[in-house]
Protein backbone atom coordinates (compact mmCIF):
# COMPACT_ATOMS: atom_id res chain seq x y z
CA MET A 1 89.48 122.77 87.21
CA ALA A 2 87.41 121.94 90.18
CA HIS A 3 83.69 121.49 89.62
CA ASP A 4 80.73 120.04 91.50
CA HIS A 5 78.76 118.67 88.60
CA HIS A 6 76.76 115.50 89.33
CA ASP A 7 76.39 112.48 87.04
CA HIS A 8 72.65 112.20 87.77
CA PRO A 9 70.75 110.50 84.88
CA GLU A 10 68.28 113.34 84.59
CA SER A 11 70.77 116.23 85.02
CA PRO A 12 71.40 118.20 81.80
CA SER A 13 74.90 118.09 80.28
CA LEU A 14 77.11 121.11 79.78
CA SER A 15 78.36 122.00 76.29
CA GLN A 16 82.11 122.72 76.70
CA ASP A 17 85.04 122.01 74.45
CA LEU A 18 87.30 119.18 75.50
CA ALA A 19 90.57 120.59 76.62
CA VAL A 20 93.50 119.06 74.73
CA MET A 21 96.41 121.06 76.24
CA LEU A 22 99.12 118.90 77.69
CA LYS A 23 102.10 119.95 79.75
CA ARG A 24 105.49 118.90 78.43
CA ARG A 25 107.39 116.20 80.27
CA ARG A 26 110.31 117.59 82.23
CA VAL A 27 113.09 115.12 83.13
CA LEU A 28 116.14 116.07 85.16
CA GLY A 29 118.98 113.74 84.36
CA LEU A 30 121.82 113.13 86.86
CA MET A 31 125.44 112.90 85.66
CA ALA A 32 126.76 109.79 84.00
CA GLY A 33 128.67 107.44 86.41
CA THR A 34 125.98 107.75 89.24
CA ALA A 35 122.91 105.53 89.70
CA ALA A 36 120.42 106.92 87.14
CA THR A 37 117.09 108.02 88.60
CA SER A 38 114.61 110.56 87.17
CA LEU A 39 112.79 113.06 89.30
CA VAL A 40 109.47 114.22 88.11
CA ALA A 41 107.49 117.45 88.51
CA ALA A 42 104.07 115.76 88.19
CA CYS A 43 102.31 112.74 86.68
CA GLY A 44 100.90 111.89 83.22
CA GLY A 45 101.27 112.82 79.56
CA GLY A 46 102.41 109.57 77.97
CA SER A 47 101.33 105.94 77.45
CA SER A 48 101.17 103.67 80.41
CA SER A 49 103.65 100.89 81.00
CA ASN A 50 104.85 98.70 83.91
CA SER A 51 108.33 97.65 84.86
CA SER A 52 109.93 95.65 87.66
CA SER A 53 113.30 97.18 87.29
CA ILE A 54 112.80 99.89 89.87
CA SER A 55 114.52 99.18 93.23
CA VAL A 56 111.63 100.40 95.31
CA SER A 57 109.05 97.84 96.36
CA ALA A 58 105.65 98.71 94.76
CA SER A 59 103.92 97.31 97.79
CA THR A 60 105.42 99.87 100.08
CA ALA A 61 105.63 102.81 97.74
CA SER A 62 103.26 105.72 98.43
CA PRO A 63 101.62 107.57 95.65
CA SER A 64 102.78 111.01 94.75
CA SER A 65 100.91 114.04 96.19
CA ALA A 66 99.27 114.42 92.75
CA ALA A 67 97.37 111.26 93.33
CA GLY A 68 94.41 113.27 94.65
CA SER A 69 93.13 114.00 98.10
CA SER A 70 90.32 112.54 100.23
CA SER A 71 87.98 115.21 98.92
CA ALA A 72 88.50 114.21 95.35
CA SER A 73 84.92 112.91 95.21
CA SER A 74 83.56 116.37 94.06
CA SER A 75 86.43 117.53 91.85
CA SER A 76 87.88 116.99 88.39
CA SER A 77 91.47 117.36 87.32
CA SER A 78 91.81 119.51 84.14
CA SER A 79 95.51 119.31 83.80
CA SER A 80 97.99 116.63 82.77
CA SER A 81 101.85 116.53 83.20
CA SER A 82 104.37 113.89 82.78
CA SER A 83 105.99 111.42 85.17
CA SER A 84 109.02 109.53 83.89
CA SER A 85 111.89 107.54 85.11
CA ALA A 86 114.01 104.58 83.85
CA THR A 87 110.93 102.42 84.10
CA GLY A 88 108.31 104.26 82.22
CA THR A 89 105.79 107.16 81.81
CA CYS A 90 102.09 107.24 82.34
CA THR A 91 99.18 109.72 82.60
CA THR A 92 97.76 110.47 86.09
CA ALA A 93 94.09 109.56 86.28
CA ALA A 94 91.90 112.63 86.58
CA SER A 95 90.09 113.21 89.86
CA GLU A 96 86.41 113.02 89.21
CA THR A 97 83.12 113.27 91.09
CA ASN A 98 81.77 110.15 92.63
CA GLY A 99 78.37 111.25 91.64
CA PRO A 100 75.09 110.84 93.58
CA TYR A 101 75.02 107.00 93.66
CA PRO A 102 78.35 105.90 95.28
CA ALA A 103 77.11 103.98 98.52
CA ASP A 104 80.57 104.89 100.03
CA GLY A 105 79.37 106.69 103.03
CA THR A 106 79.10 110.13 101.55
CA ASN A 107 75.30 110.32 101.22
CA SER A 108 72.06 108.79 102.40
CA ILE A 109 69.03 106.98 101.27
CA SER A 110 65.71 107.74 102.96
CA GLY A 111 67.60 109.52 105.71
CA SER A 112 70.12 106.74 106.38
CA ILE A 113 73.87 106.85 105.46
CA VAL A 114 74.54 104.10 102.90
CA ASN A 115 77.93 102.50 102.86
CA VAL A 116 78.48 99.12 101.09
CA LEU A 117 82.18 99.29 101.89
CA THR A 118 81.57 98.24 105.50
CA GLN A 119 79.28 95.40 104.51
CA SER A 120 80.23 91.67 104.53
CA GLY A 121 80.42 90.37 100.99
CA ILE A 122 81.55 93.58 99.16
CA VAL A 123 85.03 92.09 98.47
CA ARG A 124 84.31 89.99 95.36
CA SER A 125 85.40 89.66 91.82
CA ASP A 126 81.98 88.94 90.20
CA ILE A 127 79.79 91.86 90.87
CA ARG A 128 76.82 91.00 88.71
CA THR A 129 74.78 89.60 91.60
CA SER A 130 73.49 91.35 94.80
CA PHE A 131 75.18 90.25 97.99
CA GLY A 132 74.30 90.02 101.70
CA ALA A 133 70.61 89.88 102.42
CA LEU A 134 69.78 91.01 98.92
CA SER A 135 69.29 88.82 95.78
CA GLY A 136 69.23 89.40 92.12
CA THR A 137 71.43 89.48 89.09
CA ALA A 138 72.20 92.25 86.58
CA ALA A 139 71.69 91.10 83.07
CA GLY A 140 73.73 92.48 80.19
CA VAL A 141 76.68 91.93 77.91
CA PRO A 142 79.48 90.34 79.97
CA LEU A 143 82.63 92.42 80.72
CA VAL A 144 85.71 91.10 82.35
CA LEU A 145 87.65 94.21 83.35
CA THR A 146 91.22 94.31 84.66
CA ILE A 147 92.31 97.51 86.29
CA ASN A 148 96.13 98.11 86.72
CA ILE A 149 96.91 100.46 89.63
CA GLU A 150 100.22 102.30 89.07
CA ASN A 151 102.48 104.72 90.93
CA ALA A 152 102.85 107.57 88.60
CA GLY A 153 105.49 109.17 90.94
CA LEU A 154 107.70 106.16 90.64
CA GLY A 155 107.84 105.39 87.00
CA CYS A 156 104.40 103.79 86.79
CA THR A 157 105.46 100.85 89.07
CA PRO A 158 102.52 98.55 90.09
CA LEU A 159 100.89 99.17 93.46
CA SER A 160 100.13 95.83 95.25
CA GLY A 161 97.81 95.66 98.22
CA TYR A 162 95.71 98.62 97.20
CA ALA A 163 91.92 98.25 97.35
CA VAL A 164 89.71 99.25 94.29
CA TYR A 165 86.02 99.78 94.60
CA ILE A 166 83.99 100.09 91.46
CA TRP A 167 80.30 100.68 90.73
CA HIS A 168 78.15 101.52 87.66
CA CYS A 169 74.69 101.45 86.29
CA ASP A 170 72.96 98.35 84.82
CA ARG A 171 71.91 97.84 81.23
CA ALA A 172 68.64 100.01 81.97
CA GLY A 173 70.77 102.88 83.29
CA LEU A 174 69.80 102.17 86.94
CA TYR A 175 72.02 102.27 89.96
CA SER A 176 71.47 99.66 92.63
CA LEU A 177 70.20 100.87 95.96
CA TYR A 178 69.20 104.36 94.49
CA SER A 179 67.26 104.12 91.27
CA SER A 180 63.54 103.30 91.25
CA GLY A 181 63.36 99.74 90.14
CA ALA A 182 66.78 98.79 91.59
CA THR A 183 66.46 99.93 95.24
CA SER A 184 66.24 96.24 96.44
CA GLN A 185 69.53 95.38 94.74
CA ASN A 186 73.14 96.17 95.52
CA TYR A 187 74.62 94.53 92.40
CA LEU A 188 77.32 96.18 90.18
CA ARG A 189 79.30 97.09 93.28
CA GLY A 190 82.46 95.47 94.59
CA VAL A 191 85.96 95.69 95.93
CA GLN A 192 89.09 93.86 95.00
CA VAL A 193 92.72 94.14 96.35
CA THR A 194 95.57 94.36 93.87
CA ASN A 195 98.01 91.54 93.40
CA ALA A 196 101.79 91.75 93.15
CA SER A 197 101.32 93.15 89.61
CA GLY A 198 99.06 95.88 90.84
CA GLN A 199 96.02 94.26 89.12
CA VAL A 200 92.36 93.67 90.01
CA THR A 201 89.83 91.89 87.86
CA PHE A 202 86.09 92.29 88.00
CA THR A 203 83.33 90.40 86.08
CA THR A 204 80.55 92.69 85.37
CA ILE A 205 78.34 93.84 82.56
CA PHE A 206 78.73 96.53 79.89
CA PRO A 207 77.12 99.67 81.39
CA ALA A 208 74.24 101.58 79.72
CA CYS A 209 74.29 105.08 78.54
CA TYR A 210 71.64 107.06 80.52
CA SER A 211 70.52 110.66 79.73
CA GLY A 212 73.18 113.35 80.12
CA ARG A 213 76.25 111.12 80.61
CA MET A 214 78.68 109.21 78.45
CA PRO A 215 78.87 105.47 79.45
CA HIS A 216 81.26 105.17 82.38
CA ILE A 217 82.48 103.19 85.47
CA HIS A 218 83.17 104.76 88.84
CA VAL A 219 86.48 103.94 90.54
CA GLU A 220 87.71 104.59 94.05
CA VAL A 221 91.31 103.58 94.94
CA TYR A 222 92.43 102.99 98.61
CA ALA A 223 95.89 102.45 99.94
CA SER A 224 94.77 99.19 101.60
CA GLN A 225 91.75 97.09 102.14
CA SER A 226 91.63 98.22 105.82
CA THR A 227 91.26 101.87 104.72
CA ALA A 228 88.54 101.07 102.05
CA THR A 229 85.74 101.90 104.43
CA ALA A 230 84.63 105.36 103.40
CA ALA A 231 85.29 107.71 100.43
CA ASN A 232 87.19 110.23 102.55
CA ASN A 233 90.06 107.60 102.77
CA ALA A 234 90.46 107.21 98.96
CA VAL A 235 93.73 108.29 97.38
CA LYS A 236 91.93 108.63 93.93
CA ILE A 237 88.31 108.84 92.80
CA THR A 238 87.92 108.70 89.04
CA GLN A 239 85.85 107.40 86.16
CA LEU A 240 86.45 105.06 83.25
CA ALA A 241 85.23 105.73 79.78
CA PHE A 242 84.36 103.61 76.78
CA ASP A 243 85.02 103.93 73.09
CA ARG A 244 81.87 105.57 71.44
CA ALA A 245 81.84 103.12 68.38
CA THR A 246 81.90 100.05 70.55
CA CYS A 247 78.99 101.47 72.68
CA GLN A 248 77.01 102.10 69.60
CA THR A 249 77.49 98.49 68.44
CA VAL A 250 76.54 97.12 71.77
CA TYR A 251 73.43 99.36 72.22
CA ASN A 252 72.17 98.68 68.62
CA ASN A 253 72.52 94.91 68.95
CA ALA A 254 72.35 93.65 72.47
CA THR A 255 69.13 92.89 74.30
CA GLY A 256 68.10 95.34 77.02
CA TYR A 257 70.07 98.41 75.92
CA SER A 258 67.48 100.04 73.62
CA ALA A 259 67.11 103.23 75.72
CA SER A 260 70.91 103.78 75.43
CA ILE A 261 70.73 104.29 71.67
CA SER A 262 69.01 107.75 71.84
CA ASN A 263 70.82 108.68 74.98
CA LEU A 264 74.30 108.13 73.39
CA ALA A 265 73.25 110.02 70.26
CA ALA A 266 72.43 113.12 72.49
CA ILE A 267 75.83 113.23 74.22
CA THR A 268 79.46 113.60 73.43
CA PHE A 269 82.74 113.78 75.53
CA SER A 270 82.82 117.52 74.93
CA SER A 271 79.32 117.96 76.29
CA ASP A 272 79.60 115.44 79.14
CA ASN A 273 79.81 117.39 82.43
CA VAL A 274 82.50 115.17 83.91
CA PHE A 275 84.70 114.28 81.04
CA ASN A 276 84.55 117.54 79.20
CA ASP A 277 87.51 119.28 81.15
CA ASP A 278 89.89 116.25 80.97
CA PRO A 279 92.85 116.80 78.54
CA ALA A 280 93.05 114.47 75.71
CA ALA A 281 95.82 112.27 77.38
CA GLN A 282 93.76 111.77 80.54
CA LEU A 283 90.66 110.86 78.61
CA ALA A 284 92.64 108.43 76.36
CA ALA A 285 94.24 106.80 79.50
CA ALA A 286 90.84 106.49 81.19
CA THR A 287 89.25 104.70 78.10
CA VAL A 288 88.95 100.96 78.65
CA SER A 289 90.73 98.94 75.91
CA LEU A 290 88.27 96.22 74.76
CA SER A 291 88.43 92.94 72.93
CA GLY A 292 85.46 90.70 72.07
CA ASP A 293 82.00 91.42 70.96
CA TYR A 294 78.41 92.10 72.12
CA SER A 295 77.31 88.49 71.59
CA SER A 296 80.02 86.68 73.52
CA GLY A 297 81.10 89.47 75.82
CA PHE A 298 84.14 91.68 76.25
CA THR A 299 87.54 91.54 78.04
CA GLY A 300 88.82 94.99 78.99
CA SER A 301 91.80 96.54 80.67
CA VAL A 302 92.86 100.02 81.79
CA ASN A 303 95.68 101.63 83.73
CA VAL A 304 94.85 103.91 86.59
CA ALA A 305 97.89 105.95 87.72
CA VAL A 306 97.79 107.56 91.11
């Protein structure tokens, strides 16, 4: 269901029930004795897995048409269907708004278009510090996040050579470049290119929960680093979620997250104006799997199928 909700820290959330309907997987089997290949009607609906047994090179395979369009920055997918083959099944990532703070060429600050994707230094793995002419470091609970980019239309095979741009708020709920108190920073923004396994890894911090939104990380996926220059080139724009119990533990114990305690208590996934129309499978697939703790930091991973 398309919508134009914004994830502004001061925007009121919408109370809606979380959709839980999933479409059944449909697999067409070819007759025995021929090379077995499964065609799919759409993507999603199952747990994510990778395999290298498919004969198509992941680095040259194109995402299915269900991967989203260049206008995905203002829409959210509310349906999930299955993609399967001899190699695996996975849930296609929902298309979500990129919100008001993307710095991806889609909006302006003080009348000037802001686009960190064209700036030297944006390609980096540790995004905790500002880059270029800016300086400063975002304090918070460390998070080493691995994102696996998969081709849902080809049995969840890894996509190598794809560019992934992520950004999120700091522990005070502020977005660099945009929020008062963080306009002289561009930290917590960065691009990485997927390796042969379709993976990128970022070192960042655990994001805060600001008013009206569940904790989240924004993600834009591009078919190559050369196309990762503006949001209208993205093949998928989505958001990652976090387990509520882990968020509560972090916010109740870690330094600097005190404002997140009451903000989290006032929001749920069903009242969040972005996640509330994602089916259960899509929301589960978008939730980062974490290990570690608030004192020593977390290691997390998530699959994003396009």
